[in-house]
Amino acid sequence: VSQVANLTLVSSACDMVSTAYASTKESHPYIRSVCDAAEKGVKSVTEATASCVQPVLTTLEPHVAAASEYASKGLEKLGEKIPLLQKPVEQVISDTKELVSSRVADAKDAVNS
């Protein structure tokens, strides 16, 4: 999970969402109160769940470690095959717009000729 979170595309997307969330909370008092209540609820559920799940996680630790190792290797290969994962969201959007614009221009040229 931490490896996925550290991918440039994922971390920049999370940063964008976090910034938008904070900005929305700051700008709209009614939404802020709903978000604050939801955050408290999620925190309480997380704390309660963590204490119940910990014994199970301890038992499954060797299996989780093996799965984590396997996932890590797969993620490395995926990163090699899909360089897009190493780019920030802003660059992906910009590149996509540029590509679409280029294709539209090519199509217009083909129609005109």
PDB file of N, CA and C in Angstrom:
ATOM      1  N   VAL A   1       0.828  -1.190   0.000  1.00  0.00           N
ATOM      2  CA  VAL A   1       0.000   0.000   0.000  1.00  0.00           C
ATOM      3  C   VAL A   1       0.871   1.252   0.000  1.00  0.00           C
ATOM      4  N   SER A   2       1.921   1.238   0.806  1.00  0.00           N
ATOM      5  CA  SER A   2       2.776   2.428   0.844  1.00  0.00           C
ATOM      6  C   SER A   2       3.503   2.623  -0.477  1.00  0.00           C
ATOM      7  N   GLN A   3       3.853   1.525  -1.144  1.00  0.00           N
ATOM      8  CA  GLN A   3       4.515   1.644  -2.446  1.00  0.00           C
ATOM      9  C   GLN A   3       3.568   2.260  -3.468  1.00  0.00           C
ATOM     10  N   VAL A   4       2.315   1.863  -3.455  1.00  0.00           N
ATOM     11  CA  VAL A   4       1.329   2.438  -4.371  1.00  0.00           C
ATOM     12  C   VAL A   4       1.142   3.913  -4.051  1.00  0.00           C
ATOM     13  N   ALA A   5       1.058   4.235  -2.776  1.00  0.00           N
ATOM     14  CA  ALA A   5       0.871   5.632  -2.361  1.00  0.00           C
ATOM     15  C   ALA A   5       2.059   6.502  -2.764  1.00  0.00           C
ATOM     16  N   ASN A   6       3.234   5.912  -2.888  1.00  0.00           N
ATOM     17  CA  ASN A   6       4.422   6.677  -3.259  1.00  0.00           C
ATOM     18  C   ASN A   6       4.598   6.856  -4.764  1.00  0.00           C
ATOM     19  N   LEU A   7       3.770   6.189  -5.570  1.00  0.00           N
ATOM     20  CA  LEU A   7       3.831   6.424  -7.015  1.00  0.00           C
ATOM     21  C   LEU A   7       3.484   7.886  -7.277  1.00  0.00           C
ATOM     22  N   THR A   8       4.215   8.517  -8.157  1.00  0.00           N
ATOM     23  CA  THR A   8       4.021   9.948  -8.420  1.00  0.00           C
ATOM     24  C   THR A   8       2.587  10.255  -8.810  1.00  0.00           C
ATOM     25  N   LEU A   9       2.009   9.444  -9.696  1.00  0.00           N
ATOM     26  CA  LEU A   9       0.637   9.686 -10.143  1.00  0.00           C
ATOM     27  C   LEU A   9      -0.342   9.601  -8.974  1.00  0.00           C
ATOM     28  N   VAL A  10      -0.186   8.589  -8.146  1.00  0.00           N
ATOM     29  CA  VAL A  10      -1.096   8.386  -7.014  1.00  0.00           C
ATOM     30  C   VAL A  10      -0.915   9.478  -5.968  1.00  0.00           C
ATOM     31  N   SER A  11       0.338   9.776  -5.605  1.00  0.00           N
ATOM     32  CA  SER A  11       0.555  10.782  -4.562  1.00  0.00           C
ATOM     33  C   SER A  11       0.117  12.165  -5.017  1.00  0.00           C
ATOM     34  N   SER A  12       0.327  12.503  -6.296  1.00  0.00           N
ATOM     35  CA  SER A  12      -0.115  13.817  -6.760  1.00  0.00           C
ATOM     36  C   SER A  12      -1.642  13.886  -6.829  1.00  0.00           C
ATOM     37  N   ALA A  13      -2.281  12.766  -7.179  1.00  0.00           N
ATOM     38  CA  ALA A  13      -3.749  12.734  -7.183  1.00  0.00           C
ATOM     39  C   ALA A  13      -4.288  12.886  -5.760  1.00  0.00           C
ATOM     40  N   CYS A  14      -3.659  12.217  -4.813  1.00  0.00           N
ATOM     41  CA  CYS A  14      -4.075  12.347  -3.405  1.00  0.00           C
ATOM     42  C   CYS A  14      -3.883  13.772  -2.906  1.00  0.00           C
ATOM     43  N   ASP A  15      -2.784  14.390  -3.302  1.00  0.00           N
ATOM     44  CA  ASP A  15      -2.543  15.788  -2.922  1.00  0.00           C
ATOM     45  C   ASP A  15      -3.626  16.704  -3.486  1.00  0.00           C
ATOM     46  N   MET A  16      -4.004  16.474  -4.747  1.00  0.00           N
ATOM     47  CA  MET A  16      -5.048  17.296  -5.370  1.00  0.00           C
ATOM     48  C   MET A  16      -6.381  17.134  -4.644  1.00  0.00           C
ATOM     49  N   VAL A  17      -6.730  15.897  -4.345  1.00  0.00           N
ATOM     50  CA  VAL A  17      -7.994  15.624  -3.648  1.00  0.00           C
ATOM     51  C   VAL A  17      -7.965  16.233  -2.251  1.00  0.00           C
ATOM     52  N   SER A  18      -6.848  16.094  -1.568  1.00  0.00           N
ATOM     53  CA  SER A  18      -6.709  16.651  -0.225  1.00  0.00           C
ATOM     54  C   SER A  18      -6.842  18.172  -0.236  1.00  0.00           C
ATOM     55  N   THR A  19      -6.199  18.805  -1.198  1.00  0.00           N
ATOM     56  CA  THR A  19      -6.280  20.256  -1.320  1.00  0.00           C
ATOM     57  C   THR A  19      -7.709  20.697  -1.615  1.00  0.00           C
ATOM     58  N   ALA A  20      -8.373  19.997  -2.526  1.00  0.00           N
ATOM     59  CA  ALA A  20      -9.765  20.334  -2.861  1.00  0.00           C
ATOM     60  C   ALA A  20     -10.676  20.129  -1.650  1.00  0.00           C
ATOM     61  N   TYR A  21     -10.443  19.053  -0.910  1.00  0.00           N
ATOM     62  CA  TYR A  21     -11.244  18.764   0.284  1.00  0.00           C
ATOM     63  C   TYR A  21     -11.064  19.864   1.328  1.00  0.00           C
ATOM     64  N   ALA A  22      -9.810  20.222   1.596  1.00  0.00           N
ATOM     65  CA  ALA A  22      -9.536  21.260   2.586  1.00  0.00           C
ATOM     66  C   ALA A  22     -10.118  22.598   2.153  1.00  0.00           C
ATOM     67  N   SER A  23      -9.988  22.922   0.884  1.00  0.00           N
ATOM     68  CA  SER A  23     -10.517  24.176   0.360  1.00  0.00           C
ATOM     69  C   SER A  23     -12.042  24.220   0.472  1.00  0.00           C
ATOM     70  N   THR A  24     -12.681  23.098   0.147  1.00  0.00           N
ATOM     71  CA  THR A  24     -14.143  23.031   0.232  1.00  0.00           C
ATOM     72  C   THR A  24     -14.599  23.175   1.677  1.00  0.00           C
ATOM     73  N   LYS A  25     -13.911  22.484   2.589  1.00  0.00           N
ATOM     74  CA  LYS A  25     -14.264  22.602   4.008  1.00  0.00           C
ATOM     75  C   LYS A  25     -14.109  24.044   4.491  1.00  0.00           C
ATOM     76  N   GLU A  26     -13.055  24.689   4.033  1.00  0.00           N
ATOM     77  CA  GLU A  26     -12.770  26.062   4.466  1.00  0.00           C
ATOM     78  C   GLU A  26     -13.802  27.047   3.906  1.00  0.00           C
ATOM     79  N   SER A  27     -14.261  26.792   2.695  1.00  0.00           N
ATOM     80  CA  SER A  27     -15.155  27.731   2.014  1.00  0.00           C
ATOM     81  C   SER A  27     -16.626  27.579   2.391  1.00  0.00           C
ATOM     82  N   HIS A  28     -17.015  26.396   2.835  1.00  0.00           N
ATOM     83  CA  HIS A  28     -18.434  26.123   3.080  1.00  0.00           C
ATOM     84  C   HIS A  28     -18.636  25.600   4.503  1.00  0.00           C
ATOM     85  N   PRO A  29     -19.129  26.447   5.404  1.00  0.00           N
ATOM     86  CA  PRO A  29     -19.276  26.051   6.816  1.00  0.00           C
ATOM     87  C   PRO A  29     -20.192  24.837   7.023  1.00  0.00           C
ATOM     88  N   TYR A  30     -21.250  24.708   6.231  1.00  0.00           N
ATOM     89  CA  TYR A  30     -22.162  23.573   6.411  1.00  0.00           C
ATOM     90  C   TYR A  30     -21.476  22.268   6.015  1.00  0.00           C
ATOM     91  N   ILE A  31     -20.745  22.329   4.934  1.00  0.00           N
ATOM     92  CA  ILE A  31     -20.003  21.137   4.505  1.00  0.00           C
ATOM     93  C   ILE A  31     -18.926  20.809   5.532  1.00  0.00           C
ATOM     94  N   ARG A  32     -18.300  21.843   6.106  1.00  0.00           N
ATOM     95  CA  ARG A  32     -17.262  21.617   7.107  1.00  0.00           C
ATOM     96  C   ARG A  32     -17.807  20.816   8.280  1.00  0.00           C
ATOM     97  N   SER A  33     -18.994  21.178   8.764  1.00  0.00           N
ATOM     98  CA  SER A  33     -19.541  20.467   9.923  1.00  0.00           C
ATOM     99  C   SER A  33     -19.856  19.011   9.572  1.00  0.00           C
ATOM    100  N   VAL A  34     -20.348  18.760   8.361  1.00  0.00           N
ATOM    101  CA  VAL A  34     -20.624  17.386   7.938  1.00  0.00           C
ATOM    102  C   VAL A  34     -19.310  16.606   7.816  1.00  0.00           C
ATOM    103  N   CYS A  35     -18.305  17.233   7.213  1.00  0.00           N
ATOM    104  CA  CYS A  35     -17.001  16.574   7.051  1.00  0.00           C
ATOM    105  C   CYS A  35     -16.357  16.291   8.404  1.00  0.00           C
ATOM    106  N   ASP A  36     -16.440  17.236   9.317  1.00  0.00           N
ATOM    107  CA  ASP A  36     -15.865  17.039  10.651  1.00  0.00           C
ATOM    108  C   ASP A  36     -16.524  15.853  11.361  1.00  0.00           C
ATOM    109  N   ALA A  37     -17.856  15.777  11.246  1.00  0.00           N
ATOM    110  CA  ALA A  37     -18.577  14.661  11.868  1.00  0.00           C
ATOM    111  C   ALA A  37     -18.173  13.334  11.217  1.00  0.00           C
ATOM    112  N   ALA A  38     -18.063  13.337   9.896  1.00  0.00           N
ATOM    113  CA  ALA A  38     -17.665  12.113   9.193  1.00  0.00           C
ATOM    114  C   ALA A  38     -16.244  11.701   9.576  1.00  0.00           C
ATOM    115  N   GLU A  39     -15.356  12.676   9.688  1.00  0.00           N
ATOM    116  CA  GLU A  39     -13.976  12.375  10.069  1.00  0.00           C
ATOM    117  C   GLU A  39     -13.913  11.759  11.469  1.00  0.00           C
ATOM    118  N   LYS A  40     -14.706  12.306  12.397  1.00  0.00           N
ATOM    119  CA  LYS A  40     -14.733  11.758  13.757  1.00  0.00           C
ATOM    120  C   LYS A  40     -15.264  10.330  13.743  1.00  0.00           C
ATOM    121  N   GLY A  41     -16.307  10.096  12.956  1.00  0.00           N
ATOM    122  CA  GLY A  41     -16.875   8.748  12.847  1.00  0.00           C
ATOM    123  C   GLY A  41     -15.880   7.754  12.284  1.00  0.00           C
ATOM    124  N   VAL A  42     -15.184   8.156  11.224  1.00  0.00           N
ATOM    125  CA  VAL A  42     -14.184   7.272  10.619  1.00  0.00           C
ATOM    126  C   VAL A  42     -13.058   6.994  11.603  1.00  0.00           C
ATOM    127  N   LYS A  43     -12.639   8.009  12.337  1.00  0.00           N
ATOM    128  CA  LYS A  43     -11.561   7.827  13.321  1.00  0.00           C
ATOM    129  C   LYS A  43     -11.989   6.837  14.403  1.00  0.00           C
ATOM    130  N   SER A  44     -13.212   6.977  14.901  1.00  0.00           N
ATOM    131  CA  SER A  44     -13.713   6.070  15.943  1.00  0.00           C
ATOM    132  C   SER A  44     -13.795   4.632  15.435  1.00  0.00           C
ATOM    133  N   VAL A  45     -14.332   4.462  14.242  1.00  0.00           N
ATOM    134  CA  VAL A  45     -14.456   3.126  13.663  1.00  0.00           C
ATOM    135  C   VAL A  45     -13.077   2.518  13.437  1.00  0.00           C
ATOM    136  N   THR A  46     -12.148   3.329  12.947  1.00  0.00           N
ATOM    137  CA  THR A  46     -10.784   2.849  12.697  1.00  0.00           C
ATOM    138  C   THR A  46     -10.126   2.387  13.986  1.00  0.00           C
ATOM    139  N   GLU A  47     -10.255   3.180  15.037  1.00  0.00           N
ATOM    140  CA  GLU A  47      -9.650   2.816  16.320  1.00  0.00           C
ATOM    141  C   GLU A  47     -10.266   1.537  16.875  1.00  0.00           C
ATOM    142  N   ALA A  48     -11.586   1.421  16.791  1.00  0.00           N
ATOM    143  CA  ALA A  48     -12.259   0.223  17.302  1.00  0.00           C
ATOM    144  C   ALA A  48     -11.880  -1.004  16.485  1.00  0.00           C
ATOM    145  N   THR A  49     -11.816  -0.839  15.179  1.00  0.00           N
ATOM    146  CA  THR A  49     -11.481  -1.957  14.302  1.00  0.00           C
ATOM    147  C   THR A  49     -10.035  -2.394  14.490  1.00  0.00           C
ATOM    148  N   ALA A  50      -9.139  -1.435  14.662  1.00  0.00           N
ATOM    149  CA  ALA A  50      -7.719  -1.756  14.807  1.00  0.00           C
ATOM    150  C   ALA A  50      -7.476  -2.677  15.999  1.00  0.00           C
ATOM    151  N   SER A  51      -8.135  -2.405  17.111  1.00  0.00           N
ATOM    152  CA  SER A  51      -7.913  -3.247  18.293  1.00  0.00           C
ATOM    153  C   SER A  51      -8.472  -4.655  18.090  1.00  0.00           C
ATOM    154  N   CYS A  52      -9.568  -4.790  17.353  1.00  0.00           N
ATOM    155  CA  CYS A  52     -10.158  -6.109  17.109  1.00  0.00           C
ATOM    156  C   CYS A  52      -9.362  -6.903  16.076  1.00  0.00           C
ATOM    157  N   VAL A  53      -8.830  -6.205  15.086  1.00  0.00           N
ATOM    158  CA  VAL A  53      -8.159  -6.862  13.967  1.00  0.00           C
ATOM    159  C   VAL A  53      -6.710  -7.220  14.293  1.00  0.00           C
ATOM    160  N   GLN A  54      -6.109  -6.546  15.236  1.00  0.00           N
ATOM    161  CA  GLN A  54      -4.690  -6.759  15.538  1.00  0.00           C
ATOM    162  C   GLN A  54      -4.334  -8.220  15.808  1.00  0.00           C
ATOM    163  N   PRO A  55      -5.094  -8.957  16.624  1.00  0.00           N
ATOM    164  CA  PRO A  55      -4.737 -10.375  16.837  1.00  0.00           C
ATOM    165  C   PRO A  55      -4.776 -11.192  15.535  1.00  0.00           C
ATOM    166  N   VAL A  56      -5.721 -10.906  14.686  1.00  0.00           N
ATOM    167  CA  VAL A  56      -5.820 -11.613  13.401  1.00  0.00           C
ATOM    168  C   VAL A  56      -4.617 -11.274  12.531  1.00  0.00           C
ATOM    169  N   LEU A  57      -4.249  -9.998  12.489  1.00  0.00           N
ATOM    170  CA  LEU A  57      -3.095  -9.585  11.693  1.00  0.00           C
ATOM    171  C   LEU A  57      -1.808 -10.239  12.189  1.00  0.00           C
ATOM    172  N   THR A  58      -1.676 -10.352  13.487  1.00  0.00           N
ATOM    173  CA  THR A  58      -0.489 -10.994  14.051  1.00  0.00           C
ATOM    174  C   THR A  58      -0.410 -12.454  13.592  1.00  0.00           C
ATOM    175  N   THR A  59      -1.526 -13.126  13.579  1.00  0.00           N
ATOM    176  CA  THR A  59      -1.573 -14.519  13.132  1.00  0.00           C
ATOM    177  C   THR A  59      -1.254 -14.634  11.643  1.00  0.00           C
ATOM    178  N   LEU A  60      -1.758 -13.697  10.862  1.00  0.00           N
ATOM    179  CA  LEU A  60      -1.583 -13.741   9.408  1.00  0.00           C
ATOM    180  C   LEU A  60      -0.307 -13.069   8.916  1.00  0.00           C
ATOM    181  N   GLU A  61       0.498 -12.545   9.823  1.00  0.00           N
ATOM    182  CA  GLU A  61       1.671 -11.755   9.442  1.00  0.00           C
ATOM    183  C   GLU A  61       2.577 -12.431   8.417  1.00  0.00           C
ATOM    184  N   PRO A  62       2.925 -13.713   8.558  1.00  0.00           N
ATOM    185  CA  PRO A  62       3.791 -14.329   7.539  1.00  0.00           C
ATOM    186  C   PRO A  62       3.145 -14.340   6.148  1.00  0.00           C
ATOM    187  N   HIS A  63       1.837 -14.568   6.109  1.00  0.00           N
ATOM    188  CA  HIS A  63       1.126 -14.593   4.826  1.00  0.00           C
ATOM    189  C   HIS A  63       1.039 -13.196   4.220  1.00  0.00           C
ATOM    190  N   VAL A  64       0.806 -12.218   5.065  1.00  0.00           N
ATOM    191  CA  VAL A  64       0.747 -10.829   4.607  1.00  0.00           C
ATOM    192  C   VAL A  64       2.108 -10.399   4.073  1.00  0.00           C
ATOM    193  N   ALA A  65       3.174 -10.800   4.743  1.00  0.00           N
ATOM    194  CA  ALA A  65       4.530 -10.456   4.289  1.00  0.00           C
ATOM    195  C   ALA A  65       4.810 -11.066   2.919  1.00  0.00           C
ATOM    196  N   ALA A  66       4.413 -12.310   2.722  1.00  0.00           N
ATOM    197  CA  ALA A  66       4.628 -12.968   1.429  1.00  0.00           C
ATOM    198  C   ALA A  66       3.812 -12.282   0.336  1.00  0.00           C
ATOM    199  N   ALA A  67       2.569 -11.969   0.636  1.00  0.00           N
ATOM    200  CA  ALA A  67       1.722 -11.273  -0.341  1.00  0.00           C
ATOM    201  C   ALA A  67       2.284  -9.892  -0.647  1.00  0.00           C
ATOM    202  N   SER A  68       2.784  -9.229   0.364  1.00  0.00           N
ATOM    203  CA  SER A  68       3.366  -7.898   0.190  1.00  0.00           C
ATOM    204  C   SER A  68       4.589  -7.952  -0.719  1.00  0.00           C
ATOM    205  N   GLU A  69       5.429  -8.946  -0.514  1.00  0.00           N
ATOM    206  CA  GLU A  69       6.628  -9.130  -1.344  1.00  0.00           C
ATOM    207  C   GLU A  69       6.232  -9.377  -2.803  1.00  0.00           C
ATOM    208  N   TYR A  70       5.250 -10.226  -3.003  1.00  0.00           N
ATOM    209  CA  TYR A  70       4.766 -10.540  -4.348  1.00  0.00           C
ATOM    210  C   TYR A  70       4.172  -9.289  -5.008  1.00  0.00           C
ATOM    211  N   ALA A  71       3.371  -8.559  -4.256  1.00  0.00           N
ATOM    212  CA  ALA A  71       2.760  -7.334  -4.782  1.00  0.00           C
ATOM    213  C   ALA A  71       3.820  -6.283  -5.101  1.00  0.00           C
ATOM    214  N   SER A  72       4.837  -6.200  -4.285  1.00  0.00           N
ATOM    215  CA  SER A  72       5.907  -5.230  -4.498  1.00  0.00           C
ATOM    216  C   SER A  72       6.639  -5.497  -5.818  1.00  0.00           C
ATOM    217  N   LYS A  73       6.947  -6.750  -6.066  1.00  0.00           N
ATOM    218  CA  LYS A  73       7.607  -7.115  -7.324  1.00  0.00           C
ATOM    219  C   LYS A  73       6.712  -6.812  -8.516  1.00  0.00           C
ATOM    220  N   GLY A  74       5.443  -7.136  -8.394  1.00  0.00           N
ATOM    221  CA  GLY A  74       4.491  -6.854  -9.470  1.00  0.00           C
ATOM    222  C   GLY A  74       4.362  -5.362  -9.730  1.00  0.00           C
ATOM    223  N   LEU A  75       4.371  -4.592  -8.666  1.00  0.00           N
ATOM    224  CA  LEU A  75       4.254  -3.144  -8.797  1.00  0.00           C
ATOM    225  C   LEU A  75       5.486  -2.552  -9.475  1.00  0.00           C
ATOM    226  N   GLU A  76       6.654  -3.093  -9.164  1.00  0.00           N
ATOM    227  CA  GLU A  76       7.882  -2.636  -9.824  1.00  0.00           C
ATOM    228  C   GLU A  76       7.809  -2.889 -11.325  1.00  0.00           C
ATOM    229  N   LYS A  77       7.357  -4.079 -11.714  1.00  0.00           N
ATOM    230  CA  LYS A  77       7.225  -4.404 -13.136  1.00  0.00           C
ATOM    231  C   LYS A  77       6.190  -3.509 -13.798  1.00  0.00           C
ATOM    232  N   LEU A  78       5.095  -3.260 -13.102  1.00  0.00           N
ATOM    233  CA  LEU A  78       4.053  -2.390 -13.637  1.00  0.00           C
ATOM    234  C   LEU A  78       4.590  -0.982 -13.863  1.00  0.00           C
ATOM    235  N   GLY A  79       5.382  -0.484 -12.910  1.00  0.00           N
ATOM    236  CA  GLY A  79       5.984   0.841 -13.044  1.00  0.00           C
ATOM    237  C   GLY A  79       6.922   0.931 -14.236  1.00  0.00           C
ATOM    238  N   GLU A  80       7.614  -0.160 -14.530  1.00  0.00           N
ATOM    239  CA  GLU A  80       8.510  -0.185 -15.684  1.00  0.00           C
ATOM    240  C   GLU A  80       7.722  -0.174 -16.992  1.00  0.00           C
ATOM    241  N   LYS A  81       6.608  -0.901 -17.022  1.00  0.00           N
ATOM    242  CA  LYS A  81       5.830  -1.033 -18.249  1.00  0.00           C
ATOM    243  C   LYS A  81       4.881   0.138 -18.484  1.00  0.00           C
ATOM    244  N   ILE A  82       4.527   0.850 -17.425  1.00  0.00           N
ATOM    245  CA  ILE A  82       3.606   1.978 -17.549  1.00  0.00           C
ATOM    246  C   ILE A  82       4.265   3.210 -16.941  1.00  0.00           C
ATOM    247  N   PRO A  83       5.074   3.922 -17.724  1.00  0.00           N
ATOM    248  CA  PRO A  83       5.790   5.090 -17.203  1.00  0.00           C
ATOM    249  C   PRO A  83       4.859   6.214 -16.743  1.00  0.00           C
ATOM    250  N   LEU A  84       3.621   6.159 -17.182  1.00  0.00           N
ATOM    251  CA  LEU A  84       2.619   7.140 -16.781  1.00  0.00           C
ATOM    252  C   LEU A  84       2.494   7.215 -15.257  1.00  0.00           C
ATOM    253  N   LEU A  85       2.732   6.100 -14.574  1.00  0.00           N
ATOM    254  CA  LEU A  85       2.621   6.056 -13.114  1.00  0.00           C
ATOM    255  C   LEU A  85       3.665   6.919 -12.420  1.00  0.00           C
ATOM    256  N   GLN A  86       4.717   7.273 -13.140  1.00  0.00           N
ATOM    257  CA  GLN A  86       5.785   8.083 -12.560  1.00  0.00           C
ATOM    258  C   GLN A  86       5.601   9.573 -12.846  1.00  0.00           C
ATOM    259  N   LYS A  87       4.463   9.947 -13.442  1.00  0.00           N
ATOM    260  CA  LYS A  87       4.205  11.351 -13.766  1.00  0.00           C
ATOM    261  C   LYS A  87       3.127  11.905 -12.844  1.00  0.00           C
ATOM    262  N   PRO A  88       3.210  13.195 -12.513  1.00  0.00           N
ATOM    263  CA  PRO A  88       2.143  13.800 -11.704  1.00  0.00           C
ATOM    264  C   PRO A  88       0.865  13.969 -12.523  1.00  0.00           C
ATOM    265  N   VAL A  89      -0.247  14.047 -11.841  1.00  0.00           N
ATOM    266  CA  VAL A  89      -1.552  14.162 -12.500  1.00  0.00           C
ATOM    267  C   VAL A  89      -1.584  15.337 -13.472  1.00  0.00           C
ATOM    268  N   GLU A  90      -1.027  16.473 -13.047  1.00  0.00           N
ATOM    269  CA  GLU A  90      -1.060  17.662 -13.902  1.00  0.00           C
ATOM    270  C   GLU A  90      -0.400  17.397 -15.245  1.00  0.00           C
ATOM    271  N   GLN A  91       0.722  16.683 -15.229  1.00  0.00           N
ATOM    272  CA  GLN A  91       1.426  16.383 -16.474  1.00  0.00           C
ATOM    273  C   GLN A  91       0.635  15.387 -17.320  1.00  0.00           C
ATOM    274  N   VAL A  92       0.004  14.406 -16.689  1.00  0.00           N
ATOM    275  CA  VAL A  92      -0.809  13.433 -17.416  1.00  0.00           C
ATOM    276  C   VAL A  92      -1.966  14.150 -18.111  1.00  0.00           C
ATOM    277  N   ILE A  93      -2.615  15.060 -17.393  1.00  0.00           N
ATOM    278  CA  ILE A  93      -3.723  15.818 -17.981  1.00  0.00           C
ATOM    279  C   ILE A  93      -3.225  16.666 -19.137  1.00  0.00           C
ATOM    280  N   SER A  94      -2.124  17.350 -18.934  1.00  0.00           N
ATOM    281  CA  SER A  94      -1.547  18.202 -19.977  1.00  0.00           C
ATOM    282  C   SER A  94      -1.167  17.382 -21.207  1.00  0.00           C
ATOM    283  N   ASP A  95      -0.501  16.260 -20.989  1.00  0.00           N
ATOM    284  CA  ASP A  95      -0.108  15.397 -22.104  1.00  0.00           C
ATOM    285  C   ASP A  95      -1.326  14.857 -22.849  1.00  0.00           C
ATOM    286  N   THR A  96      -2.367  14.508 -22.106  1.00  0.00           N
ATOM    287  CA  THR A  96      -3.588  13.988 -22.715  1.00  0.00           C
ATOM    288  C   THR A  96      -4.266  15.063 -23.565  1.00  0.00           C
ATOM    289  N   LYS A  97      -4.361  16.282 -23.019  1.00  0.00           N
ATOM    290  CA  LYS A  97      -4.949  17.378 -23.786  1.00  0.00           C
ATOM    291  C   LYS A  97      -4.169  17.626 -25.070  1.00  0.00           C
ATOM    292  N   GLU A  98      -2.845  17.601 -24.944  1.00  0.00           N
ATOM    293  CA  GLU A  98      -1.986  17.829 -26.109  1.00  0.00           C
ATOM    294  C   GLU A  98      -2.192  16.736 -27.159  1.00  0.00           C
ATOM    295  N   LEU A  99      -2.275  15.490 -26.720  1.00  0.00           N
ATOM    296  CA  LEU A  99      -2.470  14.374 -27.630  1.00  0.00           C
ATOM    297  C   LEU A  99      -3.823  14.475 -28.332  1.00  0.00           C
ATOM    298  N   VAL A 100      -4.873  14.762 -27.561  1.00  0.00           N
ATOM    299  CA  VAL A 100      -6.215  14.885 -28.147  1.00  0.00           C
ATOM    300  C   VAL A 100      -6.252  16.037 -29.136  1.00  0.00           C
ATOM    301  N   SER A 101      -5.669  17.163 -28.755  1.00  0.00           N
ATOM    302  CA  SER A 101      -5.635  18.321 -29.641  1.00  0.00           C
ATOM    303  C   SER A 101      -4.907  17.993 -30.938  1.00  0.00           C
ATOM    304  N   SER A 102      -3.807  17.291 -30.832  1.00  0.00           N
ATOM    305  CA  SER A 102      -3.035  16.896 -32.009  1.00  0.00           C
ATOM    306  C   SER A 102      -3.847  15.973 -32.910  1.00  0.00           C
ATOM    307  N   ARG A 103      -4.544  15.019 -32.309  1.00  0.00           N
ATOM    308  CA  ARG A 103      -5.364  14.075 -33.095  1.00  0.00           C
ATOM    309  C   ARG A 103      -6.527  14.795 -33.769  1.00  0.00           C
ATOM    310  N   VAL A 104      -7.136  15.730 -33.070  1.00  0.00           N
ATOM    311  CA  VAL A 104      -8.231  16.500 -33.660  1.00  0.00           C
ATOM    312  C   VAL A 104      -7.709  17.328 -34.831  1.00  0.00           C
ATOM    313  N   ALA A 105      -6.549  17.958 -34.659  1.00  0.00           N
ATOM    314  CA  ALA A 105      -5.949  18.742 -35.739  1.00  0.00           C
ATOM    315  C   ALA A 105      -5.639  17.848 -36.935  1.00  0.00           C
ATOM    316  N   ASP A 106      -5.105  16.656 -36.686  1.00  0.00           N
ATOM    317  CA  ASP A 106      -4.815  15.712 -37.764  1.00  0.00           C
ATOM    318  C   ASP A 106      -6.099  15.327 -38.497  1.00  0.00           C
ATOM    319  N   ALA A 107      -7.173  15.075 -37.732  1.00  0.00           N
ATOM    320  CA  ALA A 107      -8.450  14.707 -38.338  1.00  0.00           C
ATOM    321  C   ALA A 107      -8.995  15.859 -39.187  1.00  0.00           C
ATOM    322  N   LYS A 108      -8.900  17.090 -38.676  1.00  0.00           N
ATOM    323  CA  LYS A 108      -9.351  18.261 -39.447  1.00  0.00           C
ATOM    324  C   LYS A 108      -8.581  18.378 -40.748  1.00  0.00           C
ATOM    325  N   ASP A 109      -7.266  18.210 -40.670  1.00  0.00           N
ATOM    326  CA  ASP A 109      -6.425  18.278 -41.870  1.00  0.00           C
ATOM    327  C   ASP A 109      -6.823  17.206 -42.875  1.00  0.00           C
ATOM    328  N   ALA A 110      -7.094  16.008 -42.371  1.00  0.00           N
ATOM    329  CA  ALA A 110      -7.484  14.908 -43.268  1.00  0.00           C
ATOM    330  C   ALA A 110      -8.815  15.213 -43.938  1.00  0.00           C
ATOM    331  N   VAL A 111      -9.764  15.761 -43.189  1.00  0.00           N
ATOM    332  CA  VAL A 111     -11.074  16.109 -43.752  1.00  0.00           C
ATOM    333  C   VAL A 111     -10.931  17.229 -44.769  1.00  0.00           C
ATOM    334  N   ASN A 112     -10.134  18.235 -44.450  1.00  0.00           N
ATOM    335  CA  ASN A 112      -9.944  19.378 -45.344  1.00  0.00           C
ATOM    336  C   ASN A 112      -9.276  18.975 -46.649  1.00  0.00           C
ATOM    337  N   SER A 113      -8.391  17.997 -46.577  1.00  0.00           N
ATOM    338  CA  SER A 113      -7.723  17.599 -47.821  1.00  0.00           C
ATOM    339  C   SER A 113      -8.536  16.562 -48.559  1.00  0.00           C
TER     340      SER A 113
END
